[in-house]
Amino acid sequence: MGLLEAGIGEELAGWLTEQPVFFVATAPLDEGGHVNCSPKGNRGEFAVIDQEKVAYLDQSGSGIETIAHLRENGRITIMFCAFSGRPRIVRLQGRGEFIVRGDHRFDEFAKHFASEIGAGARAVIVAHLDRIADSCGYGVPLMKFTKHRPALDAWAEKEGVEGIVDYQQRKNLLSIDNLPGLDPLDNAIS
């Protein structure tokens, strides 16, 4: 049976930050557009800011759907599943914003993450929550977590700051539905 939480309390905050993976879903307003759901490895890159606000570190990648959808309409759902321990699914729903690297607020939010901010970090996604739903998760399989993949960090370090900026200029300006992603001036990494 589902339960709506009034806010993120201490127990839930601890559980969320301990999960090794979470999923982020966004969608464009156009009914013909593509709904996006992205898995995110949590290597200390998710933080509970307060009872109604969370944030995660957005890494550079081949897509820019989350940022494009937030730019267009702000809707976001972040979902966590227990793959070990007692069954549980938590959905955090609300309005999101993105804070690109180079924006003075980026460093303010970066303090909340347990992980080091690597070369590939392009933004902080902040979600202002209006619904926190906790449900059973009986259908989620039990799985053993081994480790996070090192490939994304290795790629970003190999590319370096200039290579990441060039990559973002080529791959992150438009979503798959041609919505604006990063502004060419947004992604100046310093």
C-alpha atoms as a PDB file:
ATOM      1  CA  MET A   1       0.000   0.000   0.000  1.00  0.00           C
ATOM      2  CA  GLY A   2       1.345   3.434  -0.938  1.00  0.00           C
ATOM      3  CA  LEU A   3       2.101   6.175   1.540  1.00  0.00           C
ATOM      4  CA  LEU A   4       2.457   9.899   0.907  1.00  0.00           C
ATOM      5  CA  GLU A   5       5.150  11.536   3.015  1.00  0.00           C
ATOM      6  CA  ALA A   6       4.795  15.099   4.322  1.00  0.00           C
ATOM      7  CA  GLY A   7       8.514  15.637   3.708  1.00  0.00           C
ATOM      8  CA  ILE A   8      11.826  13.814   3.650  1.00  0.00           C
ATOM      9  CA  GLY A   9      12.614  12.837   7.207  1.00  0.00           C
ATOM     10  CA  GLU A  10      15.905  11.571   8.581  1.00  0.00           C
ATOM     11  CA  GLU A  11      15.211   7.858   7.937  1.00  0.00           C
ATOM     12  CA  LEU A  12      14.106   8.425   4.350  1.00  0.00           C
ATOM     13  CA  ALA A  13      17.012  10.810   3.664  1.00  0.00           C
ATOM     14  CA  GLY A  14      19.469   8.159   4.821  1.00  0.00           C
ATOM     15  CA  TRP A  15      17.819   5.481   2.702  1.00  0.00           C
ATOM     16  CA  LEU A  16      17.775   7.656  -0.433  1.00  0.00           C
ATOM     17  CA  THR A  17      21.439   8.632  -0.197  1.00  0.00           C
ATOM     18  CA  GLU A  18      22.495   5.002   0.382  1.00  0.00           C
ATOM     19  CA  GLN A  19      20.906   3.653  -2.817  1.00  0.00           C
ATOM     20  CA  PRO A  20      23.498   2.926  -5.537  1.00  0.00           C
ATOM     21  CA  VAL A  21      21.170   3.845  -8.418  1.00  0.00           C
ATOM     22  CA  PHE A  22      18.141   6.039  -9.059  1.00  0.00           C
ATOM     23  CA  PHE A  23      16.082   6.946 -12.110  1.00  0.00           C
ATOM     24  CA  VAL A  24      15.093  10.379 -13.424  1.00  0.00           C
ATOM     25  CA  ALA A  25      12.014  10.843 -15.620  1.00  0.00           C
ATOM     26  CA  THR A  26      10.993  13.956 -17.548  1.00  0.00           C
ATOM     27  CA  ALA A  27       8.846  14.625 -20.594  1.00  0.00           C
ATOM     28  CA  PRO A  28       8.248  17.405 -23.117  1.00  0.00           C
ATOM     29  CA  LEU A  29       4.870  19.114 -23.378  1.00  0.00           C
ATOM     30  CA  ASP A  30       4.375  17.934 -26.968  1.00  0.00           C
ATOM     31  CA  GLU A  31       2.418  14.655 -26.878  1.00  0.00           C
ATOM     32  CA  GLY A  32       4.505  13.445 -29.814  1.00  0.00           C
ATOM     33  CA  GLY A  33       7.722  14.064 -27.893  1.00  0.00           C
ATOM     34  CA  HIS A  34       9.748  11.390 -26.172  1.00  0.00           C
ATOM     35  CA  VAL A  35       9.397  10.648 -22.462  1.00  0.00           C
ATOM     36  CA  ASN A  36      12.848  10.236 -20.968  1.00  0.00           C
ATOM     37  CA  CYS A  37      13.914   7.962 -18.116  1.00  0.00           C
ATOM     38  CA  SER A  38      17.604   7.969 -17.204  1.00  0.00           C
ATOM     39  CA  PRO A  39      19.402   5.711 -14.733  1.00  0.00           C
ATOM     40  CA  LYS A  40      21.887   7.507 -12.502  1.00  0.00           C
ATOM     41  CA  GLY A  41      24.662   5.824 -10.550  1.00  0.00           C
ATOM     42  CA  ASN A  42      24.756   7.292  -7.056  1.00  0.00           C
ATOM     43  CA  ARG A  43      28.383   7.621  -6.030  1.00  0.00           C
ATOM     44  CA  GLY A  44      27.670  10.293  -3.456  1.00  0.00           C
ATOM     45  CA  GLU A  45      26.064  12.427  -6.178  1.00  0.00           C
ATOM     46  CA  PHE A  46      22.564  12.642  -4.698  1.00  0.00           C
ATOM     47  CA  ALA A  47      21.776  14.898  -1.755  1.00  0.00           C
ATOM     48  CA  VAL A  48      18.763  15.767   0.342  1.00  0.00           C
ATOM     49  CA  ILE A  49      18.917  19.554   0.763  1.00  0.00           C
ATOM     50  CA  ASP A  50      15.862  19.854   3.018  1.00  0.00           C
ATOM     51  CA  GLN A  51      12.532  18.097   3.557  1.00  0.00           C
ATOM     52  CA  GLU A  52      11.184  19.272   0.196  1.00  0.00           C
ATOM     53  CA  LYS A  53      14.304  19.739  -1.924  1.00  0.00           C
ATOM     54  CA  VAL A  54      16.829  17.289  -3.359  1.00  0.00           C
ATOM     55  CA  ALA A  55      19.670  17.634  -5.844  1.00  0.00           C
ATOM     56  CA  TYR A  56      21.925  15.440  -7.912  1.00  0.00           C
ATOM     57  CA  LEU A  57      25.071  15.956  -9.921  1.00  0.00           C
ATOM     58  CA  ASP A  58      24.364  15.697 -13.648  1.00  0.00           C
ATOM     59  CA  GLN A  59      27.236  14.179 -15.623  1.00  0.00           C
ATOM     60  CA  SER A  60      28.033  15.004 -19.255  1.00  0.00           C
ATOM     61  CA  GLY A  61      26.577  12.432 -21.599  1.00  0.00           C
ATOM     62  CA  SER A  62      25.282  11.884 -25.090  1.00  0.00           C
ATOM     63  CA  GLY A  63      21.814  13.221 -24.272  1.00  0.00           C
ATOM     64  CA  ILE A  64      20.447  16.416 -22.777  1.00  0.00           C
ATOM     65  CA  GLU A  65      16.822  15.381 -22.295  1.00  0.00           C
ATOM     66  CA  THR A  66      16.480  16.176 -18.580  1.00  0.00           C
ATOM     67  CA  ILE A  67      17.841  19.700 -18.950  1.00  0.00           C
ATOM     68  CA  ALA A  68      15.812  20.335 -22.127  1.00  0.00           C
ATOM     69  CA  HIS A  69      12.584  19.186 -20.468  1.00  0.00           C
ATOM     70  CA  LEU A  70      13.290  21.190 -17.302  1.00  0.00           C
ATOM     71  CA  ARG A  71      14.001  24.252 -19.451  1.00  0.00           C
ATOM     72  CA  GLU A  72      10.664  23.757 -21.229  1.00  0.00           C
ATOM     73  CA  ASN A  73       8.297  22.782 -18.399  1.00  0.00           C
ATOM     74  CA  GLY A  74      10.128  21.928 -15.161  1.00  0.00           C
ATOM     75  CA  ARG A  75       8.372  18.600 -14.445  1.00  0.00           C
ATOM     76  CA  ILE A  76      10.527  15.872 -12.898  1.00  0.00           C
ATOM     77  CA  THR A  77      10.208  12.542 -11.114  1.00  0.00           C
ATOM     78  CA  ILE A  78      13.126  10.872  -9.354  1.00  0.00           C
ATOM     79  CA  MET A  79      12.568   7.221  -8.455  1.00  0.00           C
ATOM     80  CA  PHE A  80      14.523   4.983  -6.103  1.00  0.00           C
ATOM     81  CA  CYS A  81      14.056   1.192  -5.767  1.00  0.00           C
ATOM     82  CA  ALA A  82      15.407  -1.137  -3.106  1.00  0.00           C
ATOM     83  CA  PHE A  83      17.300  -3.914  -4.868  1.00  0.00           C
ATOM     84  CA  SER A  84      18.364  -5.319  -1.486  1.00  0.00           C
ATOM     85  CA  GLY A  85      16.823  -5.271   1.988  1.00  0.00           C
ATOM     86  CA  ARG A  86      13.126  -4.703   2.462  1.00  0.00           C
ATOM     87  CA  PRO A  87      11.124  -3.953  -0.701  1.00  0.00           C
ATOM     88  CA  ARG A  88      10.584  -0.239  -1.300  1.00  0.00           C
ATOM     89  CA  ILE A  89      10.012   2.246  -4.099  1.00  0.00           C
ATOM     90  CA  VAL A  90      10.119   6.002  -3.479  1.00  0.00           C
ATOM     91  CA  ARG A  91       9.051   8.548  -6.075  1.00  0.00           C
ATOM     92  CA  LEU A  92      10.028  12.192  -5.621  1.00  0.00           C
ATOM     93  CA  GLN A  93       7.894  14.397  -7.847  1.00  0.00           C
ATOM     94  CA  GLY A  94       7.957  18.120  -8.386  1.00  0.00           C
ATOM     95  CA  ARG A  95       9.507  20.959 -10.323  1.00  0.00           C
ATOM     96  CA  GLY A  96      13.134  20.919 -11.303  1.00  0.00           C
ATOM     97  CA  GLU A  97      15.765  23.408 -12.280  1.00  0.00           C
ATOM     98  CA  PHE A  98      19.286  22.983 -13.576  1.00  0.00           C
ATOM     99  CA  ILE A  99      22.332  24.916 -12.458  1.00  0.00           C
ATOM    100  CA  VAL A 100      25.185  24.636 -14.946  1.00  0.00           C
ATOM    101  CA  ARG A 101      28.816  24.515 -14.047  1.00  0.00           C
ATOM    102  CA  GLY A 102      30.106  28.058 -14.094  1.00  0.00           C
ATOM    103  CA  ASP A 103      26.952  29.454 -12.432  1.00  0.00           C
ATOM    104  CA  HIS A 104      27.841  30.780  -8.943  1.00  0.00           C
ATOM    105  CA  ARG A 105      25.116  28.554  -7.427  1.00  0.00           C
ATOM    106  CA  PHE A 106      26.822  25.402  -8.748  1.00  0.00           C
ATOM    107  CA  ASP A 107      29.518  25.516  -6.052  1.00  0.00           C
ATOM    108  CA  GLU A 108      26.899  26.245  -3.395  1.00  0.00           C
ATOM    109  CA  PHE A 109      25.050  23.011  -4.231  1.00  0.00           C
ATOM    110  CA  ALA A 110      28.240  21.016  -4.904  1.00  0.00           C
ATOM    111  CA  LYS A 111      29.038  21.237  -1.180  1.00  0.00           C
ATOM    112  CA  HIS A 112      26.137  18.862  -0.497  1.00  0.00           C
ATOM    113  CA  PHE A 113      27.584  15.941  -2.461  1.00  0.00           C
ATOM    114  CA  ALA A 114      29.773  13.316  -0.839  1.00  0.00           C
ATOM    115  CA  SER A 115      31.657  12.747  -4.101  1.00  0.00           C
ATOM    116  CA  GLU A 116      34.400  14.763  -5.701  1.00  0.00           C
ATOM    117  CA  ILE A 117      33.233  16.974  -8.582  1.00  0.00           C
ATOM    118  CA  GLY A 118      34.988  15.552 -11.647  1.00  0.00           C
ATOM    119  CA  ALA A 119      35.642  17.029 -15.065  1.00  0.00           C
ATOM    120  CA  GLY A 120      32.444  15.538 -16.526  1.00  0.00           C
ATOM    121  CA  ALA A 121      29.979  17.257 -14.185  1.00  0.00           C
ATOM    122  CA  ARG A 122      27.891  19.622 -16.308  1.00  0.00           C
ATOM    123  CA  ALA A 123      25.111  20.701 -13.930  1.00  0.00           C
ATOM    124  CA  VAL A 124      23.329  20.227 -10.651  1.00  0.00           C
ATOM    125  CA  ILE A 125      19.695  19.227 -11.009  1.00  0.00           C
ATOM    126  CA  VAL A 126      17.586  20.582  -8.141  1.00  0.00           C
ATOM    127  CA  ALA A 127      14.072  19.236  -7.548  1.00  0.00           C
ATOM    128  CA  HIS A 128      11.555  21.189  -5.468  1.00  0.00           C
ATOM    129  CA  LEU A 129       9.201  18.442  -4.351  1.00  0.00           C
ATOM    130  CA  ASP A 130       5.427  18.615  -4.142  1.00  0.00           C
ATOM    131  CA  ARG A 131       4.830  14.855  -3.802  1.00  0.00           C
ATOM    132  CA  ILE A 132       6.844  12.179  -2.000  1.00  0.00           C
ATOM    133  CA  ALA A 133       5.350   8.708  -2.482  1.00  0.00           C
ATOM    134  CA  ASP A 134       6.625   5.593  -0.706  1.00  0.00           C
ATOM    135  CA  SER A 135       5.310   2.211  -1.916  1.00  0.00           C
ATOM    136  CA  CYS A 136       6.001  -1.481  -1.395  1.00  0.00           C
ATOM    137  CA  GLY A 137       8.268  -2.455  -4.271  1.00  0.00           C
ATOM    138  CA  TYR A 138       7.260  -6.119  -4.095  1.00  0.00           C
ATOM    139  CA  GLY A 139       7.805  -6.483  -7.840  1.00  0.00           C
ATOM    140  CA  VAL A 140      11.400  -5.173  -7.773  1.00  0.00           C
ATOM    141  CA  PRO A 141      13.935  -8.030  -7.969  1.00  0.00           C
ATOM    142  CA  LEU A 142      16.655  -8.625  -5.407  1.00  0.00           C
ATOM    143  CA  MET A 143      20.019  -7.900  -6.974  1.00  0.00           C
ATOM    144  CA  LYS A 144      23.560  -7.707  -5.669  1.00  0.00           C
ATOM    145  CA  PHE A 145      25.439  -4.438  -6.188  1.00  0.00           C
ATOM    146  CA  THR A 146      29.065  -5.066  -7.127  1.00  0.00           C
ATOM    147  CA  LYS A 147      30.535  -1.652  -7.931  1.00  0.00           C
ATOM    148  CA  HIS A 148      30.074   1.488 -10.001  1.00  0.00           C
ATOM    149  CA  ARG A 149      31.518   1.448 -13.510  1.00  0.00           C
ATOM    150  CA  PRO A 150      34.636   3.618 -13.898  1.00  0.00           C
ATOM    151  CA  ALA A 151      34.096   4.316 -17.631  1.00  0.00           C
ATOM    152  CA  LEU A 152      32.317   7.692 -17.373  1.00  0.00           C
ATOM    153  CA  ASP A 153      34.943   9.218 -15.079  1.00  0.00           C
ATOM    154  CA  ALA A 154      37.786   7.764 -17.150  1.00  0.00           C
ATOM    155  CA  TRP A 155      36.268   9.215 -20.333  1.00  0.00           C
ATOM    156  CA  ALA A 156      35.797  12.664 -18.756  1.00  0.00           C
ATOM    157  CA  GLU A 157      39.342  12.738 -17.385  1.00  0.00           C
ATOM    158  CA  LYS A 158      40.722  11.703 -20.785  1.00  0.00           C
ATOM    159  CA  GLU A 159      38.695  14.431 -22.550  1.00  0.00           C
ATOM    160  CA  GLY A 160      39.707  17.104 -20.034  1.00  0.00           C
ATOM    161  CA  VAL A 161      37.917  20.404 -19.600  1.00  0.00           C
ATOM    162  CA  GLU A 162      38.367  21.586 -23.201  1.00  0.00           C
ATOM    163  CA  GLY A 163      37.294  18.226 -24.600  1.00  0.00           C
ATOM    164  CA  ILE A 164      34.170  18.160 -22.424  1.00  0.00           C
ATOM    165  CA  VAL A 165      33.192  21.681 -23.506  1.00  0.00           C
ATOM    166  CA  ASP A 166      33.689  20.689 -27.157  1.00  0.00           C
ATOM    167  CA  TYR A 167      31.626  17.526 -26.620  1.00  0.00           C
ATOM    168  CA  GLN A 168      28.810  19.497 -24.987  1.00  0.00           C
ATOM    169  CA  GLN A 169      28.830  21.973 -27.892  1.00  0.00           C
ATOM    170  CA  ARG A 170      28.412  19.073 -30.321  1.00  0.00           C
ATOM    171  CA  LYS A 171      26.036  16.801 -28.374  1.00  0.00           C
ATOM    172  CA  ASN A 172      24.154  18.802 -25.720  1.00  0.00           C
ATOM    173  CA  LEU A 173      22.638  21.825 -27.449  1.00  0.00           C
ATOM    174  CA  LEU A 174      19.400  20.116 -28.548  1.00  0.00           C
ATOM    175  CA  SER A 175      17.298  17.245 -27.219  1.00  0.00           C
ATOM    176  CA  ILE A 176      16.180  14.345 -29.401  1.00  0.00           C
ATOM    177  CA  ASP A 177      12.953  16.321 -29.993  1.00  0.00           C
ATOM    178  CA  ASN A 178      14.967  19.457 -30.921  1.00  0.00           C
ATOM    179  CA  LEU A 179      14.217  21.297 -27.676  1.00  0.00           C
ATOM    180  CA  PRO A 180      16.973  23.626 -26.445  1.00  0.00           C
ATOM    181  CA  GLY A 181      19.372  21.881 -24.073  1.00  0.00           C
ATOM    182  CA  LEU A 182      22.490  23.668 -22.964  1.00  0.00           C
ATOM    183  CA  ASP A 183      22.855  27.208 -24.148  1.00  0.00           C
ATOM    184  CA  PRO A 184      26.229  27.624 -25.899  1.00  0.00           C
ATOM    185  CA  LEU A 185      27.143  30.101 -23.181  1.00  0.00           C
ATOM    186  CA  ASP A 186      25.924  27.839 -20.342  1.00  0.00           C
ATOM    187  CA  ASN A 187      28.601  25.215 -20.456  1.00  0.00           C
ATOM    188  CA  ALA A 188      31.738  27.298 -19.971  1.00  0.00           C
ATOM    189  CA  ILE A 189      33.529  25.085 -17.467  1.00  0.00           C
ATOM    190  CA  SER A 190      35.984  26.922 -15.300  1.00  0.00           C
END
